[in-house]
Protein backbone atom coordinates (compact mmCIF):
# COMPACT_ATOMS: atom_id res chain seq x y z
CA MET A 1 -54.75 -80.43 -121.27
CA GLU A 2 -54.14 -79.63 -124.88
CA GLU A 3 -55.91 -80.61 -127.72
CA LYS A 4 -53.11 -81.85 -130.58
CA PRO A 5 -52.88 -79.29 -133.51
CA GLY A 6 -53.29 -80.86 -137.30
CA PHE A 7 -55.10 -83.93 -136.02
CA GLN A 8 -56.16 -86.50 -138.66
CA THR A 9 -57.86 -89.58 -137.66
CA TYR A 10 -57.06 -93.19 -137.25
CA TYR A 11 -57.56 -96.37 -135.91
CA ALA A 12 -56.91 -98.14 -132.69
CA VAL A 13 -55.83 -102.18 -132.71
CA ILE A 14 -56.71 -103.03 -129.09
CA PHE A 15 -55.47 -106.29 -128.31
CA VAL A 16 -56.09 -107.77 -124.56
CA SER A 17 -54.55 -111.01 -123.79
CA THR A 18 -53.56 -113.97 -120.82
CA LEU A 19 -50.79 -116.22 -121.57
CA LYS A 20 -50.63 -119.81 -120.72
CA ASP A 21 -46.78 -119.13 -119.63
CA LYS A 22 -46.29 -115.77 -118.62
CA HIS A 23 -42.50 -117.37 -118.33
CA ASP A 24 -42.15 -118.73 -122.08
CA LYS A 25 -39.29 -116.88 -123.63
CA SER A 26 -40.51 -117.46 -127.06
CA TYR A 27 -43.64 -115.55 -126.67
CA TYR A 28 -41.67 -112.81 -125.75
CA HIS A 29 -38.64 -113.35 -128.53
CA MET A 30 -42.06 -113.56 -131.22
CA SER A 31 -43.01 -110.48 -129.98
CA GLU A 32 -39.94 -107.82 -130.29
CA GLN A 33 -39.97 -109.46 -134.15
CA MET A 34 -43.67 -108.57 -134.33
CA VAL A 35 -43.07 -105.09 -133.13
CA ALA A 36 -40.15 -104.82 -135.74
CA GLN A 37 -42.20 -105.92 -138.37
CA ALA A 38 -45.05 -103.85 -138.03
CA LYS A 39 -42.66 -100.63 -137.60
CA LYS A 40 -42.14 -101.40 -141.30
CA GLN A 41 -45.54 -102.56 -142.32
CA PRO A 42 -47.47 -99.31 -144.31
CA GLY A 43 -49.85 -97.23 -142.33
CA PHE A 44 -48.32 -98.00 -138.81
CA LEU A 45 -48.48 -94.88 -136.66
CA GLY A 46 -47.04 -96.59 -132.99
CA PHE A 47 -48.02 -98.42 -130.33
CA ASP A 48 -48.55 -99.01 -126.43
CA SER A 49 -48.35 -102.09 -124.80
CA ALA A 50 -47.67 -103.35 -121.16
CA ARG A 51 -48.16 -106.58 -119.35
CA SER A 52 -49.03 -108.20 -115.91
CA GLU A 53 -51.36 -110.94 -115.78
CA ILE A 54 -53.17 -109.55 -118.75
CA GLY A 55 -51.79 -107.82 -121.56
CA ILE A 56 -52.54 -105.08 -123.45
CA THR A 57 -51.46 -104.07 -126.26
CA VAL A 58 -52.80 -100.80 -128.50
CA SER A 59 -51.48 -100.68 -132.25
CA TYR A 60 -51.89 -97.32 -134.11
CA TRP A 61 -52.90 -97.42 -137.98
CA LYS A 62 -53.69 -94.48 -140.93
CA SER A 63 -56.19 -96.61 -142.05
CA LEU A 64 -58.70 -99.78 -141.99
CA ASN A 65 -57.00 -101.15 -145.32
CA ALA A 66 -53.35 -101.21 -143.38
CA ILE A 67 -54.50 -102.59 -140.72
CA LYS A 68 -56.23 -105.38 -142.73
CA ASP A 69 -53.10 -105.62 -144.49
CA TRP A 70 -50.78 -106.57 -140.97
CA LYS A 71 -53.25 -108.67 -140.69
CA THR A 72 -52.74 -111.13 -143.63
CA GLN A 73 -49.07 -110.00 -143.42
CA THR A 74 -47.07 -113.47 -143.76
CA GLN A 75 -44.93 -113.41 -140.79
CA HIS A 76 -48.23 -111.71 -138.79
CA GLN A 77 -50.22 -114.69 -139.82
CA ILE A 78 -47.79 -116.86 -138.37
CA ALA A 79 -47.15 -115.35 -135.09
CA GLN A 80 -51.35 -115.81 -134.78
CA GLN A 81 -51.16 -119.38 -135.36
CA LEU A 82 -48.72 -119.84 -132.97
CA GLY A 83 -50.39 -117.68 -130.53
CA LYS A 84 -53.67 -119.80 -130.84
CA GLU A 85 -51.44 -122.88 -130.73
CA LYS A 86 -48.49 -122.38 -128.37
CA TRP A 87 -49.20 -118.96 -125.89
CA TYR A 88 -52.52 -117.99 -125.29
CA ALA A 89 -55.05 -118.68 -122.86
CA HIS A 90 -57.61 -115.70 -124.42
CA TYR A 91 -57.25 -112.99 -126.39
CA HIS A 92 -59.95 -110.17 -127.54
CA ILE A 93 -59.35 -108.00 -130.59
CA ARG A 94 -60.94 -104.24 -130.70
CA ILE A 95 -60.95 -102.39 -133.37
CA ALA A 96 -61.83 -98.31 -132.46
CA LYS A 97 -61.44 -95.17 -134.69
CA VAL A 98 -60.17 -92.36 -132.62
CA GLU A 99 -61.33 -88.77 -133.84
CA ARG A 100 -59.72 -86.72 -130.86
CA GLU A 101 -56.57 -87.65 -128.45
CA TYR A 102 -55.45 -85.18 -125.40
CA HIS A 103 -52.01 -84.92 -123.66
CA PHE A 104 -50.78 -83.87 -120.76
CA ASN A 105 -46.85 -82.96 -119.69
CA SER A 106 -46.58 -81.92 -116.34
CA LEU A 107 -42.79 -80.89 -117.55
């Protein structure tokens, strides 16, 4: 493993959720819209996501202010409200400061 050169600390928003109905296509459509919107948001660095029985999405941000701005973005607030009313049985959000990262590539 190798530490990334020129590394700058950043923040991770860890979103863990369970859906009421994992076959509801409107959830996945909104999810795609939120990814597209987040990519336009100042301070957004990227994300990783996986879903089976639970979903885990980790989004990466330059600062806590960038996270706050994303939380209050109008379309994101609409998605949050729909999530509470319609899609999520449960969710949990954690925010962490990333102080170091490593990567491995066997190729």
